[in-house]
């Protein structure tokens, strides 16, 4: 499996580390906005080709698939371009920043028949996998999910503290994780969705605080709080309030509501959610099947985000 990586920033590096653990996978090209960054990352990971031109990479014969870790606003168009070029594609979350664009990516995937997977990492974190398997076995039922997504980003910087060429988005990026996970874990589509937002940042042009409420037909509810104003602790944390127990998921780690550790070391072949996500992408291509978090599988999430965006626009 010969894979190209587009986007050599903080998250692209996570994928390169994950791919290095998968047998039979070779990274053949690195694409970055800056040539010097592409070359630096290519040297570090032993990749033979580095460029700033994704189109050049899509035309190469030594690329079977592409992983896109590029700015949100490029995801839909680049995923479509990759499939049009005959390449399987994994596009990092979010699939798109509009409901219309998400539908178009889905249409092109169905037209080409290629694997198009979206990086909804929460489906792969061992902590959330443990919960999902208990639900599937009939041992747990979610009554409520509470999620906190908190960062301190009053300047346009990435996870490494470096300047970004694009602006992050609480709704289309960060809320996408929780909206999808809530539907995935409950096995239901969201019936009711409401959102409110705080003031728009005068320089970044985005709301810095947001609150979202979700409800399924069976009455399961989700409350999501998001902020770029939070000065620690940082990250996304989930509380599962179930019929039999409460659980707190912190990325790949899981504890009970009493802070008792839950052993998730045997849930999968790794405890690294990004690696597991990449393993699913490679396996789906090799086996000619639809992956977990395929574009079709996550499309309902983007429908809900579109509904919420309409509500938030009316508040401005």
Protein backbone atom coordinates (compact mmCIF):
# COMPACT_ATOMS: atom_id res chain seq x y z
CA UNK A 1 0.00 0.00 0.00
CA UNK A 2 1.58 3.26 -1.17
CA UNK A 3 0.20 6.31 0.58
CA UNK A 4 0.74 10.04 0.15
CA UNK A 5 0.22 12.46 3.02
CA UNK A 6 -1.02 15.98 2.35
CA UNK A 7 -0.61 18.35 5.28
CA UNK A 8 2.62 17.95 7.22
CA UNK A 9 1.50 19.77 10.35
CA UNK A 10 0.76 18.47 13.84
CA UNK A 11 -1.93 16.00 12.81
CA UNK A 12 -0.12 14.86 9.69
CA UNK A 13 2.77 13.83 11.92
CA UNK A 14 0.40 11.73 14.04
CA UNK A 15 -0.66 9.86 10.90
CA UNK A 16 2.93 9.28 9.81
CA UNK A 17 3.69 7.78 13.21
CA UNK A 18 0.59 5.58 12.94
CA UNK A 19 1.35 4.42 9.40
CA UNK A 20 4.87 3.44 10.49
CA UNK A 21 3.29 0.72 12.67
CA UNK A 22 1.32 -0.92 9.81
CA UNK A 23 2.97 -3.75 7.85
CA UNK A 24 3.18 -3.34 4.10
CA UNK A 25 2.54 0.41 4.07
CA UNK A 26 4.94 2.85 2.44
CA UNK A 27 4.58 6.61 2.46
CA UNK A 28 5.71 7.71 -1.00
CA UNK A 29 5.06 11.46 -0.95
CA UNK A 30 4.64 14.39 1.44
CA UNK A 31 2.66 17.48 0.44
CA UNK A 32 2.84 20.71 2.40
CA UNK A 33 2.03 24.37 1.87
CA UNK A 34 5.75 25.16 2.26
CA UNK A 35 8.37 23.21 0.32
CA UNK A 36 10.90 23.39 3.14
CA UNK A 37 8.42 21.86 5.58
CA UNK A 38 7.55 19.08 3.13
CA UNK A 39 11.24 18.29 2.64
CA UNK A 40 12.00 18.37 6.35
CA UNK A 41 9.21 15.93 7.21
CA UNK A 42 10.09 13.73 4.23
CA UNK A 43 13.69 13.47 5.44
CA UNK A 44 12.63 12.64 8.98
CA UNK A 45 10.33 9.81 7.87
CA UNK A 46 12.42 8.54 4.95
CA UNK A 47 9.95 9.59 2.26
CA UNK A 48 11.42 10.01 -1.21
CA UNK A 49 9.23 12.77 -2.63
CA UNK A 50 8.18 16.15 -1.26
CA UNK A 51 6.15 18.87 -2.96
CA UNK A 52 3.64 21.68 -2.52
CA UNK A 53 1.47 20.44 -5.41
CA UNK A 54 -1.24 17.92 -4.55
CA UNK A 55 -2.17 17.63 -8.22
CA UNK A 56 1.35 16.43 -8.99
CA UNK A 57 1.00 13.72 -6.35
CA UNK A 58 -2.42 12.60 -7.57
CA UNK A 59 -0.89 12.02 -11.02
CA UNK A 60 1.87 9.75 -9.68
CA UNK A 61 1.81 5.99 -10.32
CA UNK A 62 3.36 5.22 -6.93
CA UNK A 63 0.37 6.54 -4.95
CA UNK A 64 -2.56 4.22 -4.21
CA UNK A 65 -4.21 6.37 -1.56
CA UNK A 66 -4.03 9.80 0.01
CA UNK A 67 -4.51 11.03 3.56
CA UNK A 68 -5.62 14.67 3.72
CA UNK A 69 -4.62 16.65 6.82
CA UNK A 70 -5.06 19.98 5.07
CA UNK A 71 -7.13 23.06 6.06
CA UNK A 72 -10.82 22.38 6.62
CA UNK A 73 -11.90 24.58 3.72
CA UNK A 74 -10.00 22.33 1.27
CA UNK A 75 -11.21 18.95 2.48
CA UNK A 76 -14.21 18.43 0.21
CA UNK A 77 -12.59 19.66 -3.01
CA UNK A 78 -9.37 17.73 -2.38
CA UNK A 79 -11.21 14.52 -1.48
CA UNK A 80 -13.17 14.80 -4.71
CA UNK A 81 -9.98 15.48 -6.70
CA UNK A 82 -8.31 12.43 -5.17
CA UNK A 83 -11.19 10.14 -6.11
CA UNK A 84 -11.41 11.65 -9.59
CA UNK A 85 -7.72 10.73 -9.95
CA UNK A 86 -8.47 7.13 -8.97
CA UNK A 87 -7.01 7.34 -5.46
CA UNK A 88 -8.59 6.09 -2.27
CA UNK A 89 -8.77 8.89 0.27
CA UNK A 90 -8.94 9.41 4.00
CA UNK A 91 -9.88 13.00 4.76
CA UNK A 92 -9.33 14.28 8.24
CA UNK A 93 -12.31 15.57 10.17
CA UNK A 94 -14.33 17.46 9.08
CA UNK A 95 -15.38 16.03 5.73
CA UNK A 96 -16.57 19.49 4.70
CA UNK A 97 -17.66 22.81 6.12
CA UNK A 98 -21.11 22.77 4.53
CA UNK A 99 -23.91 20.23 4.13
CA UNK A 100 -23.93 20.72 0.35
CA UNK A 101 -20.21 19.93 0.02
CA UNK A 102 -20.53 16.86 2.24
CA UNK A 103 -23.29 15.55 -0.02
CA UNK A 104 -21.13 16.14 -3.10
CA UNK A 105 -18.24 14.12 -1.66
CA UNK A 106 -20.68 11.30 -0.92
CA UNK A 107 -22.01 11.47 -4.48
CA UNK A 108 -18.50 11.21 -5.99
CA UNK A 109 -17.62 8.29 -3.69
CA UNK A 110 -20.69 6.38 -4.85
CA UNK A 111 -19.88 7.23 -8.46
CA UNK A 112 -16.25 6.07 -8.26
CA UNK A 113 -16.64 3.20 -5.79
CA UNK A 114 -13.35 4.11 -4.12
CA UNK A 115 -12.76 4.06 -0.37
CA UNK A 116 -13.49 7.48 1.10
CA UNK A 117 -13.04 7.49 4.85
CA UNK A 118 -13.37 10.43 7.25
CA UNK A 119 -11.15 10.86 10.30
CA UNK A 120 -13.79 10.55 13.01
CA UNK A 121 -11.16 9.37 15.46
CA UNK A 122 -13.50 8.98 18.43
CA UNK A 123 -14.93 5.84 16.81
CA UNK A 124 -11.45 4.30 17.04
CA UNK A 125 -10.19 5.46 20.45
CA UNK A 126 -10.03 2.32 22.65
CA UNK A 127 -12.05 4.14 25.34
CA UNK A 128 -15.02 4.71 23.04
CA UNK A 129 -14.60 1.28 21.43
CA UNK A 130 -14.94 -0.30 24.88
CA UNK A 131 -18.21 1.55 25.44
CA UNK A 132 -19.46 0.68 21.93
CA UNK A 133 -18.87 -3.03 22.43
CA UNK A 134 -20.66 -3.03 25.77
CA UNK A 135 -23.64 -1.32 24.12
CA UNK A 136 -23.62 -3.79 21.21
CA UNK A 137 -23.59 -6.67 23.71
CA UNK A 138 -26.65 -5.25 25.46
CA UNK A 139 -24.73 -4.56 28.66
CA UNK A 140 -25.02 -0.75 28.56
CA UNK A 141 -27.51 1.80 27.36
CA UNK A 142 -26.69 5.50 27.18
CA UNK A 143 -29.04 7.83 28.99
CA UNK A 144 -27.00 10.98 28.49
CA UNK A 145 -23.67 11.97 27.01
CA UNK A 146 -21.94 15.14 28.23
CA UNK A 147 -18.96 16.41 26.24
CA UNK A 148 -16.54 19.26 26.86
CA UNK A 149 -14.32 20.53 24.04
CA UNK A 150 -12.01 23.16 25.49
CA UNK A 151 -9.02 24.98 24.01
CA UNK A 152 -7.28 28.31 24.50
CA UNK A 153 -7.00 29.75 20.99
CA UNK A 154 -7.37 33.50 20.96
CA UNK A 155 -4.76 33.64 18.21
CA UNK A 156 -4.73 31.66 14.96
CA UNK A 157 -2.23 29.00 16.05
CA UNK A 158 -2.16 25.22 15.56
CA UNK A 159 -1.56 22.50 18.15
CA UNK A 160 2.19 23.12 17.93
CA UNK A 161 1.77 26.85 18.61
CA UNK A 162 2.59 27.73 15.02
CA UNK A 163 0.64 30.23 12.85
CA UNK A 164 -2.21 28.70 10.85
CA UNK A 165 -3.03 29.54 7.24
CA UNK A 166 -6.73 28.94 8.01
CA UNK A 167 -9.15 29.45 10.88
CA UNK A 168 -10.45 26.58 13.02
CA UNK A 169 -14.17 26.14 13.60
CA UNK A 170 -16.01 25.00 16.72
CA UNK A 171 -19.08 23.77 14.82
CA UNK A 172 -17.79 22.13 11.64
CA UNK A 173 -14.61 20.71 13.17
CA UNK A 174 -14.87 20.14 16.89
CA UNK A 175 -18.61 19.57 17.24
CA UNK A 176 -18.43 17.06 14.39
CA UNK A 177 -16.56 14.64 16.66
CA UNK A 178 -19.31 14.61 19.27
CA UNK A 179 -22.33 14.76 16.95
CA UNK A 180 -21.06 11.73 15.06
CA UNK A 181 -20.00 9.84 18.18
CA UNK A 182 -23.40 10.36 19.83
CA UNK A 183 -25.22 8.93 16.81
CA UNK A 184 -22.67 6.09 16.48
CA UNK A 185 -22.91 5.07 20.12
CA UNK A 186 -26.70 5.29 20.39
CA UNK A 187 -27.36 3.78 16.96
CA UNK A 188 -29.92 6.49 16.31
CA UNK A 189 -30.13 9.59 14.17
CA UNK A 190 -30.51 12.89 16.00
CA UNK A 191 -34.13 14.06 16.05
CA UNK A 192 -33.75 17.40 17.86
CA UNK A 193 -30.70 19.67 17.63
CA UNK A 194 -30.28 23.13 19.15
CA UNK A 195 -27.30 25.48 19.39
CA UNK A 196 -26.37 28.88 20.78
CA UNK A 197 -23.09 30.75 20.38
CA UNK A 198 -21.20 33.54 22.08
CA UNK A 199 -19.81 36.74 20.56
CA UNK A 200 -17.82 36.67 17.32
CA UNK A 201 -14.09 37.29 17.80
CA UNK A 202 -13.22 40.65 16.19
CA UNK A 203 -10.07 39.33 14.47
CA UNK A 204 -10.71 35.62 13.92
CA UNK A 205 -14.31 36.15 12.78
CA UNK A 206 -15.60 33.05 14.59
CA UNK A 207 -17.60 32.43 17.78
CA UNK A 208 -15.30 31.51 20.64
CA UNK A 209 -17.94 29.75 22.74
CA UNK A 210 -20.80 27.45 21.80
CA UNK A 211 -23.39 25.18 23.44
CA UNK A 212 -25.22 22.34 21.65
CA UNK A 213 -28.10 20.09 22.74
CA UNK A 214 -29.05 16.87 20.93
CA UNK A 215 -31.85 14.32 21.38
CA UNK A 216 -32.58 10.97 19.70
CA UNK A 217 -36.06 9.53 19.06
CA UNK A 218 -35.61 7.20 22.06
CA UNK A 219 -34.97 10.18 24.34
CA UNK A 220 -31.23 9.88 24.77
CA UNK A 221 -29.68 13.32 25.10
CA UNK A 222 -26.29 14.92 24.58
CA UNK A 223 -24.98 18.23 25.91
CA UNK A 224 -21.87 19.65 24.27
CA UNK A 225 -19.94 22.67 25.53
CA UNK A 226 -17.20 24.13 23.31
CA UNK A 227 -14.78 26.99 23.93
CA UNK A 228 -11.64 28.56 22.54
CA UNK A 229 -11.47 30.74 25.69
CA UNK A 230 -10.67 27.97 28.18
CA UNK A 231 -7.31 28.26 29.94
CA UNK A 232 -6.86 24.56 30.80
CA UNK A 233 -7.26 21.67 31.03
CA UNK A 234 -7.34 21.39 27.23
CA UNK A 235 -8.92 18.76 25.00
CA UNK A 236 -12.20 16.93 24.62
CA UNK A 237 -13.67 14.90 27.46
CA UNK A 238 -16.78 12.71 27.43
CA UNK A 239 -19.04 11.57 30.26
CA UNK A 240 -21.26 8.59 29.47
CA UNK A 241 -24.18 8.39 31.89
CA UNK A 242 -25.58 4.90 31.37
CA UNK A 243 -28.21 2.64 32.87
CA UNK A 244 -25.42 0.61 34.45
CA UNK A 245 -22.59 2.91 35.44
CA UNK A 246 -20.98 6.18 34.45
CA UNK A 247 -17.79 6.40 32.40
CA UNK A 248 -15.40 9.21 31.53
CA UNK A 249 -13.45 8.96 28.27
CA UNK A 250 -10.34 11.08 27.83
CA UNK A 251 -9.06 10.30 24.35
CA UNK A 252 -7.65 6.75 24.55
CA UNK A 253 -8.15 6.43 28.33
CA UNK A 254 -11.30 5.44 30.23
CA UNK A 255 -12.29 5.63 33.91
CA UNK A 256 -15.51 5.05 35.82
CA UNK A 257 -17.48 7.89 37.32
CA UNK A 258 -15.49 7.25 40.51
CA UNK A 259 -12.19 7.72 38.60
CA UNK A 260 -11.41 3.98 38.67
CA UNK A 261 -9.28 3.06 35.61
CA UNK A 262 -10.84 0.76 33.04
CA UNK A 263 -8.37 -1.51 31.24
CA UNK A 264 -8.73 -0.88 27.50
CA UNK A 265 -5.35 -2.35 26.56
CA UNK A 266 -6.94 -5.43 24.99
CA UNK A 267 -9.67 -3.65 23.05
CA UNK A 268 -7.60 -3.53 19.85
CA UNK A 269 -4.11 -4.15 18.51
CA UNK A 270 -2.99 -0.70 19.66
CA UNK A 271 -4.04 1.89 22.22
CA UNK A 272 -3.40 4.72 19.71
CA UNK A 273 -6.67 5.89 18.15
CA UNK A 274 -4.98 7.50 15.13
CA UNK A 275 -3.05 4.33 14.35
CA UNK A 276 -6.26 2.29 14.63
CA UNK A 277 -8.01 4.73 12.31
CA UNK A 278 -5.22 4.32 9.74
CA UNK A 279 -5.30 0.55 10.12
CA UNK A 280 -9.01 0.59 9.25
CA UNK A 281 -8.34 2.71 6.17
CA UNK A 282 -5.65 0.35 4.88
CA UNK A 283 -7.70 -2.77 5.70
CA UNK A 284 -10.80 -1.44 3.91
CA UNK A 285 -8.78 -0.80 0.74
CA UNK A 286 -7.10 -4.22 0.87
CA UNK A 287 -10.38 -6.02 1.56
CA UNK A 288 -12.48 -4.00 -0.90
CA UNK A 289 -15.07 -3.03 1.72
CA UNK A 290 -16.65 0.05 3.25
CA UNK A 291 -14.64 1.30 6.23
CA UNK A 292 -15.93 2.34 9.61
CA UNK A 293 -16.44 6.12 9.36
CA UNK A 294 -16.92 6.00 5.60
CA UNK A 295 -18.35 9.14 4.05
CA UNK A 296 -21.72 7.39 3.85
CA UNK A 297 -21.44 6.31 7.48
CA UNK A 298 -20.80 9.80 8.82
CA UNK A 299 -23.03 11.78 6.45
CA UNK A 300 -25.83 12.08 9.02
CA UNK A 301 -23.47 14.06 11.24
CA UNK A 302 -23.02 16.74 8.58
CA UNK A 303 -26.75 17.00 8.04
CA UNK A 304 -27.12 17.89 11.73
CA UNK A 305 -24.25 20.39 11.53
CA UNK A 306 -26.01 22.03 8.61
CA UNK A 307 -29.17 22.39 10.70
CA UNK A 308 -27.18 23.88 13.57
CA UNK A 309 -25.38 26.30 11.26
CA UNK A 310 -28.72 27.67 10.07
CA UNK A 311 -29.74 28.28 13.69
CA UNK A 312 -26.46 30.01 14.51
CA UNK A 313 -26.59 32.25 11.44
CA UNK A 314 -29.98 33.49 12.59
CA UNK A 315 -28.40 34.58 15.89
CA UNK A 316 -25.79 36.85 14.30
